[in-house]
PDB file of N, CA and C in Angstrom:
ATOM      1  N   MET A   1     -48.876  21.845 -69.749  1.00  0.00           N
ATOM      2  CA  MET A   1     -48.625  22.827 -68.714  1.00  0.00           C
ATOM      3  C   MET A   1     -47.615  22.253 -67.728  1.00  0.00           C
ATOM      4  N   SER A   2     -46.568  22.978 -67.479  1.00  0.00           N
ATOM      5  CA  SER A   2     -45.504  22.542 -66.590  1.00  0.00           C
ATOM      6  C   SER A   2     -45.795  22.997 -65.168  1.00  0.00           C
ATOM      7  N   ARG A   3     -45.559  22.128 -64.214  1.00  0.00           N
ATOM      8  CA  ARG A   3     -45.762  22.466 -62.815  1.00  0.00           C
ATOM      9  C   ARG A   3     -44.428  22.388 -62.086  1.00  0.00           C
ATOM     10  N   GLY A   4     -44.268  23.218 -61.053  1.00  0.00           N
ATOM     11  CA  GLY A   4     -43.058  23.183 -60.241  1.00  0.00           C
ATOM     12  C   GLY A   4     -43.013  21.913 -59.411  1.00  0.00           C
ATOM     13  N   LYS A   5     -41.827  21.551 -58.986  1.00  0.00           N
ATOM     14  CA  LYS A   5     -41.659  20.360 -58.164  1.00  0.00           C
ATOM     15  C   LYS A   5     -41.601  20.748 -56.700  1.00  0.00           C
ATOM     16  N   ASP A   6     -42.237  19.941 -55.838  1.00  0.00           N
ATOM     17  CA  ASP A   6     -42.125  20.126 -54.405  1.00  0.00           C
ATOM     18  C   ASP A   6     -40.792  19.535 -53.968  1.00  0.00           C
ATOM     19  N   ILE A   7     -40.111  20.215 -53.060  1.00  0.00           N
ATOM     20  CA  ILE A   7     -38.831  19.738 -52.564  1.00  0.00           C
ATOM     21  C   ILE A   7     -38.994  19.422 -51.087  1.00  0.00           C
ATOM     22  N   VAL A   8     -38.626  18.212 -50.700  1.00  0.00           N
ATOM     23  CA  VAL A   8     -38.701  17.780 -49.319  1.00  0.00           C
ATOM     24  C   VAL A   8     -37.285  17.547 -48.827  1.00  0.00           C
ATOM     25  N   ASP A   9     -36.927  18.150 -47.708  1.00  0.00           N
ATOM     26  CA  ASP A   9     -35.604  18.000 -47.129  1.00  0.00           C
ATOM     27  C   ASP A   9     -35.542  16.715 -46.327  1.00  0.00           C
ATOM     28  N   ILE A  10     -34.717  15.755 -46.760  1.00  0.00           N
ATOM     29  CA  ILE A  10     -34.538  14.502 -46.046  1.00  0.00           C
ATOM     30  C   ILE A  10     -33.069  14.428 -45.665  1.00  0.00           C
ATOM     31  N   ALA A  11     -32.813  14.346 -44.365  1.00  0.00           N
ATOM     32  CA  ALA A  11     -31.431  14.340 -43.890  1.00  0.00           C
ATOM     33  C   ALA A  11     -30.634  13.245 -44.586  1.00  0.00           C
ATOM     34  N   GLY A  12     -29.461  13.609 -45.085  1.00  0.00           N
ATOM     35  CA  GLY A  12     -28.575  12.639 -45.723  1.00  0.00           C
ATOM     36  C   GLY A  12     -28.791  12.489 -47.208  1.00  0.00           C
ATOM     37  N   LEU A  13     -29.883  13.015 -47.751  1.00  0.00           N
ATOM     38  CA  LEU A  13     -30.155  12.922 -49.174  1.00  0.00           C
ATOM     39  C   LEU A  13     -30.204  14.314 -49.777  1.00  0.00           C
ATOM     40  N   THR A  14     -29.259  14.633 -50.626  1.00  0.00           N
ATOM     41  CA  THR A  14     -29.251  15.924 -51.296  1.00  0.00           C
ATOM     42  C   THR A  14     -29.041  15.682 -52.776  1.00  0.00           C
ATOM     43  N   PRO A  15     -30.080  15.841 -53.597  1.00  0.00           N
ATOM     44  CA  PRO A  15     -29.925  15.647 -55.029  1.00  0.00           C
ATOM     45  C   PRO A  15     -28.872  16.608 -55.585  1.00  0.00           C
ATOM     46  N   PRO A  16     -28.118  16.206 -56.607  1.00  0.00           N
ATOM     47  CA  PRO A  16     -27.089  17.068 -57.170  1.00  0.00           C
ATOM     48  C   PRO A  16     -27.615  18.433 -57.595  1.00  0.00           C
ATOM     49  N   ALA A  17     -28.850  18.544 -58.040  1.00  0.00           N
ATOM     50  CA  ALA A  17     -29.412  19.816 -58.485  1.00  0.00           C
ATOM     51  C   ALA A  17     -29.529  20.811 -57.338  1.00  0.00           C
ATOM     52  N   GLN A  18     -29.587  20.327 -56.097  1.00  0.00           N
ATOM     53  CA  GLN A  18     -29.729  21.221 -54.945  1.00  0.00           C
ATOM     54  C   GLN A  18     -28.391  21.612 -54.340  1.00  0.00           C
ATOM     55  N   GLN A  19     -27.309  20.944 -54.703  1.00  0.00           N
ATOM     56  CA  GLN A  19     -26.019  21.272 -54.131  1.00  0.00           C
ATOM     57  C   GLN A  19     -25.522  22.582 -54.712  1.00  0.00           C
ATOM     58  N   THR A  20     -25.126  23.487 -53.828  1.00  0.00           N
ATOM     59  CA  THR A  20     -24.635  24.780 -54.267  1.00  0.00           C
ATOM     60  C   THR A  20     -23.312  25.063 -53.583  1.00  0.00           C
ATOM     61  N   PRO A  21     -22.442  25.831 -54.212  1.00  0.00           N
ATOM     62  CA  PRO A  21     -21.176  26.181 -53.559  1.00  0.00           C
ATOM     63  C   PRO A  21     -21.429  27.068 -52.352  1.00  0.00           C
ATOM     64  N   ALA A  22     -20.483  27.050 -51.413  1.00  0.00           N
ATOM     65  CA  ALA A  22     -20.609  27.898 -50.228  1.00  0.00           C
ATOM     66  C   ALA A  22     -20.614  29.357 -50.656  1.00  0.00           C
ATOM     67  N   GLY A  23     -21.412  30.141 -49.988  1.00  0.00           N
ATOM     68  CA  GLY A  23     -21.490  31.550 -50.335  1.00  0.00           C
ATOM     69  C   GLY A  23     -22.743  32.163 -49.767  1.00  0.00           C
ATOM     70  N   PRO A  24     -23.023  33.408 -50.101  1.00  0.00           N
ATOM     71  CA  PRO A  24     -24.155  34.109 -49.513  1.00  0.00           C
ATOM     72  C   PRO A  24     -25.516  33.675 -50.046  1.00  0.00           C
ATOM     73  N   SER A  25     -25.559  32.875 -51.092  1.00  0.00           N
ATOM     74  CA  SER A  25     -26.825  32.480 -51.706  1.00  0.00           C
ATOM     75  C   SER A  25     -27.645  31.604 -50.770  1.00  0.00           C
ATOM     76  N   LEU A  26     -28.962  31.812 -50.762  1.00  0.00           N
ATOM     77  CA  LEU A  26     -29.869  30.970 -49.977  1.00  0.00           C
ATOM     78  C   LEU A  26     -30.426  29.835 -50.811  1.00  0.00           C
ATOM     79  N   ARG A  27     -30.117  29.816 -52.106  1.00  0.00           N
ATOM     80  CA  ARG A  27     -30.643  28.800 -53.011  1.00  0.00           C
ATOM     81  C   ARG A  27     -30.220  27.415 -52.540  1.00  0.00           C
ATOM     82  N   GLY A  28     -31.184  26.530 -52.397  1.00  0.00           N
ATOM     83  CA  GLY A  28     -30.904  25.168 -51.975  1.00  0.00           C
ATOM     84  C   GLY A  28     -30.893  24.970 -50.472  1.00  0.00           C
ATOM     85  N   ARG A  29     -30.964  26.050 -49.690  1.00  0.00           N
ATOM     86  CA  ARG A  29     -30.978  25.901 -48.231  1.00  0.00           C
ATOM     87  C   ARG A  29     -32.369  25.515 -47.771  1.00  0.00           C
ATOM     88  N   PRO A  30     -32.465  24.590 -46.815  1.00  0.00           N
ATOM     89  CA  PRO A  30     -33.775  24.192 -46.290  1.00  0.00           C
ATOM     90  C   PRO A  30     -34.467  25.362 -45.598  1.00  0.00           C
ATOM     91  N   TRP A  31     -35.810  25.390 -45.685  1.00  0.00           N
ATOM     92  CA  TRP A  31     -36.580  26.476 -45.099  1.00  0.00           C
ATOM     93  C   TRP A  31     -37.924  25.958 -44.628  1.00  0.00           C
ATOM     94  N   LEU A  32     -38.551  26.755 -43.770  1.00  0.00           N
ATOM     95  CA  LEU A  32     -39.917  26.512 -43.304  1.00  0.00           C
ATOM     96  C   LEU A  32     -40.758  27.704 -43.738  1.00  0.00           C
ATOM     97  N   ALA A  33     -42.008  27.467 -44.061  1.00  0.00           N
ATOM     98  CA  ALA A  33     -42.953  28.547 -44.345  1.00  0.00           C
ATOM     99  C   ALA A  33     -43.653  28.885 -43.035  1.00  0.00           C
ATOM    100  N   VAL A  34     -43.616  30.153 -42.659  1.00  0.00           N
ATOM    101  CA  VAL A  34     -44.174  30.576 -41.372  1.00  0.00           C
ATOM    102  C   VAL A  34     -45.171  31.710 -41.575  1.00  0.00           C
ATOM    103  N   MET A  35     -46.338  31.556 -40.959  1.00  0.00           N
ATOM    104  CA  MET A  35     -47.327  32.637 -40.908  1.00  0.00           C
ATOM    105  C   MET A  35     -47.071  33.377 -39.610  1.00  0.00           C
ATOM    106  N   PHE A  36     -46.584  34.627 -39.705  1.00  0.00           N
ATOM    107  CA  PHE A  36     -46.352  35.443 -38.526  1.00  0.00           C
ATOM    108  C   PHE A  36     -47.681  36.106 -38.179  1.00  0.00           C
ATOM    109  N   LYS A  37     -48.315  35.619 -37.103  1.00  0.00           N
ATOM    110  CA  LYS A  37     -49.627  36.127 -36.710  1.00  0.00           C
ATOM    111  C   LYS A  37     -49.561  37.563 -36.204  1.00  0.00           C
ATOM    112  N   CYS A  38     -48.384  38.007 -35.760  1.00  0.00           N
ATOM    113  CA  CYS A  38     -48.244  39.379 -35.250  1.00  0.00           C
ATOM    114  C   CYS A  38     -48.595  40.403 -36.327  1.00  0.00           C
ATOM    115  N   CYS A  39     -48.248  40.121 -37.584  1.00  0.00           N
ATOM    116  CA  CYS A  39     -48.490  41.076 -38.673  1.00  0.00           C
ATOM    117  C   CYS A  39     -49.274  40.463 -39.835  1.00  0.00           C
ATOM    118  N   HIS A  40     -49.727  39.223 -39.668  1.00  0.00           N
ATOM    119  CA  HIS A  40     -50.523  38.523 -40.679  1.00  0.00           C
ATOM    120  C   HIS A  40     -49.800  38.436 -42.027  1.00  0.00           C
ATOM    121  N   VAL A  41     -48.531  37.991 -41.987  1.00  0.00           N
ATOM    122  CA  VAL A  41     -47.745  37.823 -43.210  1.00  0.00           C
ATOM    123  C   VAL A  41     -47.018  36.483 -43.185  1.00  0.00           C
ATOM    124  N   TYR A  42     -46.796  35.927 -44.380  1.00  0.00           N
ATOM    125  CA  TYR A  42     -46.012  34.705 -44.531  1.00  0.00           C
ATOM    126  C   TYR A  42     -44.585  35.068 -44.886  1.00  0.00           C
ATOM    127  N   SER A  43     -43.662  34.216 -44.455  1.00  0.00           N
ATOM    128  CA  SER A  43     -42.267  34.378 -44.832  1.00  0.00           C
ATOM    129  C   SER A  43     -41.568  33.032 -44.704  1.00  0.00           C
ATOM    130  N   ARG A  44     -40.444  32.907 -45.360  1.00  0.00           N
ATOM    131  CA  ARG A  44     -39.608  31.723 -45.202  1.00  0.00           C
ATOM    132  C   ARG A  44     -38.629  31.958 -44.055  1.00  0.00           C
ATOM    133  N   VAL A  45     -38.362  30.888 -43.306  1.00  0.00           N
ATOM    134  CA  VAL A  45     -37.373  30.906 -42.236  1.00  0.00           C
ATOM    135  C   VAL A  45     -36.357  29.836 -42.611  1.00  0.00           C
ATOM    136  N   TYR A  46     -35.093  30.244 -42.773  1.00  0.00           N
ATOM    137  CA  TYR A  46     -34.059  29.341 -43.270  1.00  0.00           C
ATOM    138  C   TYR A  46     -33.270  28.673 -42.149  1.00  0.00           C
ATOM    139  N   ARG A  47     -32.761  27.464 -42.450  1.00  0.00           N
ATOM    140  CA  ARG A  47     -31.937  26.719 -41.509  1.00  0.00           C
ATOM    141  C   ARG A  47     -30.597  27.435 -41.337  1.00  0.00           C
ATOM    142  N   SER A  48     -30.102  27.457 -40.093  1.00  0.00           N
ATOM    143  CA  SER A  48     -28.807  28.082 -39.818  1.00  0.00           C
ATOM    144  C   SER A  48     -27.695  27.292 -40.507  1.00  0.00           C
ATOM    145  N   ARG A  49     -26.586  27.929 -40.713  1.00  0.00           N
ATOM    146  CA  ARG A  49     -25.447  27.274 -41.381  1.00  0.00           C
ATOM    147  C   ARG A  49     -24.910  26.096 -40.571  1.00  0.00           C
ATOM    148  N   ARG A  50     -25.115  26.118 -39.269  1.00  0.00           N
ATOM    149  CA  ARG A  50     -24.650  25.008 -38.423  1.00  0.00           C
ATOM    150  C   ARG A  50     -25.701  23.905 -38.273  1.00  0.00           C
ATOM    151  N   ASP A  51     -26.836  24.043 -38.947  1.00  0.00           N
ATOM    152  CA  ASP A  51     -27.913  23.052 -38.909  1.00  0.00           C
ATOM    153  C   ASP A  51     -28.448  22.783 -37.506  1.00  0.00           C
ATOM    154  N   GLU A  52     -28.467  23.818 -36.641  1.00  0.00           N
ATOM    155  CA  GLU A  52     -28.963  23.654 -35.285  1.00  0.00           C
ATOM    156  C   GLU A  52     -30.396  24.139 -35.123  1.00  0.00           C
ATOM    157  N   VAL A  53     -30.765  25.197 -35.856  1.00  0.00           N
ATOM    158  CA  VAL A  53     -32.085  25.807 -35.744  1.00  0.00           C
ATOM    159  C   VAL A  53     -32.485  26.415 -37.084  1.00  0.00           C
ATOM    160  N   TYR A  54     -33.772  26.689 -37.199  1.00  0.00           N
ATOM    161  CA  TYR A  54     -34.266  27.536 -38.281  1.00  0.00           C
ATOM    162  C   TYR A  54     -34.414  28.915 -37.659  1.00  0.00           C
ATOM    163  N   GLU A  55     -33.870  29.951 -38.313  1.00  0.00           N
ATOM    164  CA  GLU A  55     -33.908  31.299 -37.765  1.00  0.00           C
ATOM    165  C   GLU A  55     -34.466  32.279 -38.786  1.00  0.00           C
ATOM    166  N   GLY A  56     -35.274  33.210 -38.299  1.00  0.00           N
ATOM    167  CA  GLY A  56     -35.808  34.229 -39.188  1.00  0.00           C
ATOM    168  C   GLY A  56     -36.480  35.331 -38.397  1.00  0.00           C
ATOM    169  N   ARG A  57     -37.036  36.291 -39.127  1.00  0.00           N
ATOM    170  CA  ARG A  57     -37.726  37.434 -38.515  1.00  0.00           C
ATOM    171  C   ARG A  57     -38.987  37.738 -39.300  1.00  0.00           C
ATOM    172  N   CYS A  58     -39.968  38.288 -38.600  1.00  0.00           N
ATOM    173  CA  CYS A  58     -41.172  38.768 -39.259  1.00  0.00           C
ATOM    174  C   CYS A  58     -40.741  39.863 -40.230  1.00  0.00           C
ATOM    175  N   PRO A  59     -41.178  39.812 -41.481  1.00  0.00           N
ATOM    176  CA  PRO A  59     -40.742  40.815 -42.445  1.00  0.00           C
ATOM    177  C   PRO A  59     -41.270  42.223 -42.164  1.00  0.00           C
ATOM    178  N   LYS A  60     -42.296  42.349 -41.344  1.00  0.00           N
ATOM    179  CA  LYS A  60     -42.836  43.680 -41.047  1.00  0.00           C
ATOM    180  C   LYS A  60     -42.300  44.257 -39.742  1.00  0.00           C
ATOM    181  N   CYS A  61     -42.445  43.532 -38.638  1.00  0.00           N
ATOM    182  CA  CYS A  61     -42.050  44.079 -37.330  1.00  0.00           C
ATOM    183  C   CYS A  61     -40.690  43.588 -36.845  1.00  0.00           C
ATOM    184  N   GLN A  62     -40.067  42.676 -37.573  1.00  0.00           N
ATOM    185  CA  GLN A  62     -38.740  42.140 -37.255  1.00  0.00           C
ATOM    186  C   GLN A  62     -38.691  41.303 -35.982  1.00  0.00           C
ATOM    187  N   ARG A  63     -39.823  40.792 -35.542  1.00  0.00           N
ATOM    188  CA  ARG A  63     -39.849  39.901 -34.382  1.00  0.00           C
ATOM    189  C   ARG A  63     -39.063  38.637 -34.720  1.00  0.00           C
ATOM    190  N   ALA A  64     -38.129  38.234 -33.853  1.00  0.00           N
ATOM    191  CA  ALA A  64     -37.251  37.083 -34.104  1.00  0.00           C
ATOM    192  C   ALA A  64     -37.972  35.768 -33.850  1.00  0.00           C
ATOM    193  N   LEU A  65     -37.580  34.747 -34.622  1.00  0.00           N
ATOM    194  CA  LEU A  65     -38.124  33.403 -34.464  1.00  0.00           C
ATOM    195  C   LEU A  65     -36.987  32.410 -34.570  1.00  0.00           C
ATOM    196  N   ARG A  66     -36.910  31.485 -33.605  1.00  0.00           N
ATOM    197  CA  ARG A  66     -35.932  30.395 -33.629  1.00  0.00           C
ATOM    198  C   ARG A  66     -36.694  29.091 -33.452  1.00  0.00           C
ATOM    199  N   VAL A  67     -36.509  28.164 -34.380  1.00  0.00           N
ATOM    200  CA  VAL A  67     -37.169  26.861 -34.326  1.00  0.00           C
ATOM    201  C   VAL A  67     -36.083  25.805 -34.199  1.00  0.00           C
ATOM    202  N   PRO A  68     -35.970  25.148 -33.021  1.00  0.00           N
ATOM    203  CA  PRO A  68     -34.906  24.163 -32.825  1.00  0.00           C
ATOM    204  C   PRO A  68     -35.107  22.930 -33.702  1.00  0.00           C
ATOM    205  N   ILE A  69     -33.996  22.302 -34.058  1.00  0.00           N
ATOM    206  CA  ILE A  69     -34.014  21.044 -34.809  1.00  0.00           C
ATOM    207  C   ILE A  69     -33.597  19.954 -33.832  1.00  0.00           C
ATOM    208  N   GLY A  70     -34.426  18.944 -33.671  1.00  0.00           N
ATOM    209  CA  GLY A  70     -34.119  17.893 -32.709  1.00  0.00           C
ATOM    210  C   GLY A  70     -34.410  16.516 -33.261  1.00  0.00           C
ATOM    211  N   PRO A  71     -34.006  15.494 -32.539  1.00  0.00           N
ATOM    212  CA  PRO A  71     -34.276  14.126 -32.974  1.00  0.00           C
ATOM    213  C   PRO A  71     -35.781  13.879 -33.036  1.00  0.00           C
ATOM    214  N   GLY A  72     -36.188  13.104 -33.983  1.00  0.00           N
ATOM    215  CA  GLY A  72     -37.617  12.835 -34.146  1.00  0.00           C
ATOM    216  C   GLY A  72     -38.271  13.859 -35.029  1.00  0.00           C
ATOM    217  N   GLY A  73     -38.135  15.134 -34.689  1.00  0.00           N
ATOM    218  CA  GLY A  73     -38.620  16.253 -35.496  1.00  0.00           C
ATOM    219  C   GLY A  73     -40.018  16.079 -36.047  1.00  0.00           C
ATOM    220  N   THR A  74     -40.273  16.745 -37.162  1.00  0.00           N
ATOM    221  CA  THR A  74     -41.562  16.682 -37.835  1.00  0.00           C
ATOM    222  C   THR A  74     -41.351  16.809 -39.332  1.00  0.00           C
ATOM    223  N   SER A  75     -42.269  16.315 -40.093  1.00  0.00           N
ATOM    224  CA  SER A  75     -42.181  16.442 -41.550  1.00  0.00           C
ATOM    225  C   SER A  75     -42.936  17.673 -42.040  1.00  0.00           C
ATOM    226  N   ASN A  76     -43.601  18.409 -41.120  1.00  0.00           N
ATOM    227  CA  ASN A  76     -44.339  19.622 -41.497  1.00  0.00           C
ATOM    228  C   ASN A  76     -43.384  20.695 -41.982  1.00  0.00           C
ATOM    229  N   ARG A  77     -43.826  21.489 -42.942  1.00  0.00           N
ATOM    230  CA  ARG A  77     -43.019  22.577 -43.458  1.00  0.00           C
ATOM    231  C   ARG A  77     -43.747  23.920 -43.338  1.00  0.00           C
ATOM    232  N   PHE A  78     -44.995  23.917 -42.847  1.00  0.00           N
ATOM    233  CA  PHE A  78     -45.779  25.142 -42.714  1.00  0.00           C
ATOM    234  C   PHE A  78     -46.197  25.303 -41.256  1.00  0.00           C
ATOM    235  N   PHE A  79     -45.910  26.502 -40.691  1.00  0.00           N
ATOM    236  CA  PHE A  79     -46.152  26.739 -39.277  1.00  0.00           C
ATOM    237  C   PHE A  79     -46.735  28.133 -39.053  1.00  0.00           C
ATOM    238  N   GLU A  80     -47.285  28.357 -37.848  1.00  0.00           N
ATOM    239  CA  GLU A  80     -47.743  29.678 -37.429  1.00  0.00           C
ATOM    240  C   GLU A  80     -46.915  30.092 -36.219  1.00  0.00           C
ATOM    241  N   ALA A  81     -46.525  31.361 -36.184  1.00  0.00           N
ATOM    242  CA  ALA A  81     -45.776  31.898 -35.052  1.00  0.00           C
ATOM    243  C   ALA A  81     -46.634  32.949 -34.366  1.00  0.00           C
ATOM    244  N   GLU A  82     -46.768  32.848 -33.060  1.00  0.00           N
ATOM    245  CA  GLU A  82     -47.561  33.804 -32.273  1.00  0.00           C
ATOM    246  C   GLU A  82     -46.863  35.127 -32.177  1.00  0.00           C
TER     247      GLU A  82
END
């Protein structure tokens, strides 16, 4: 039985399999898994093209979410948004 691989985003390390040409595709872009408590749904929030923040919206009510990227940061990839 084959299992999927977990992918961890480590600054400065990008395996060749994750490198993608510039374009509209989100494939290979870093993301966070977010539980939007406003509508009780999960969604991915992707890193901005300038690598400054993770930006996304609740898929049901479209409430905006911005998660800043800063020094030190965290290794967590799953979050809840109020």
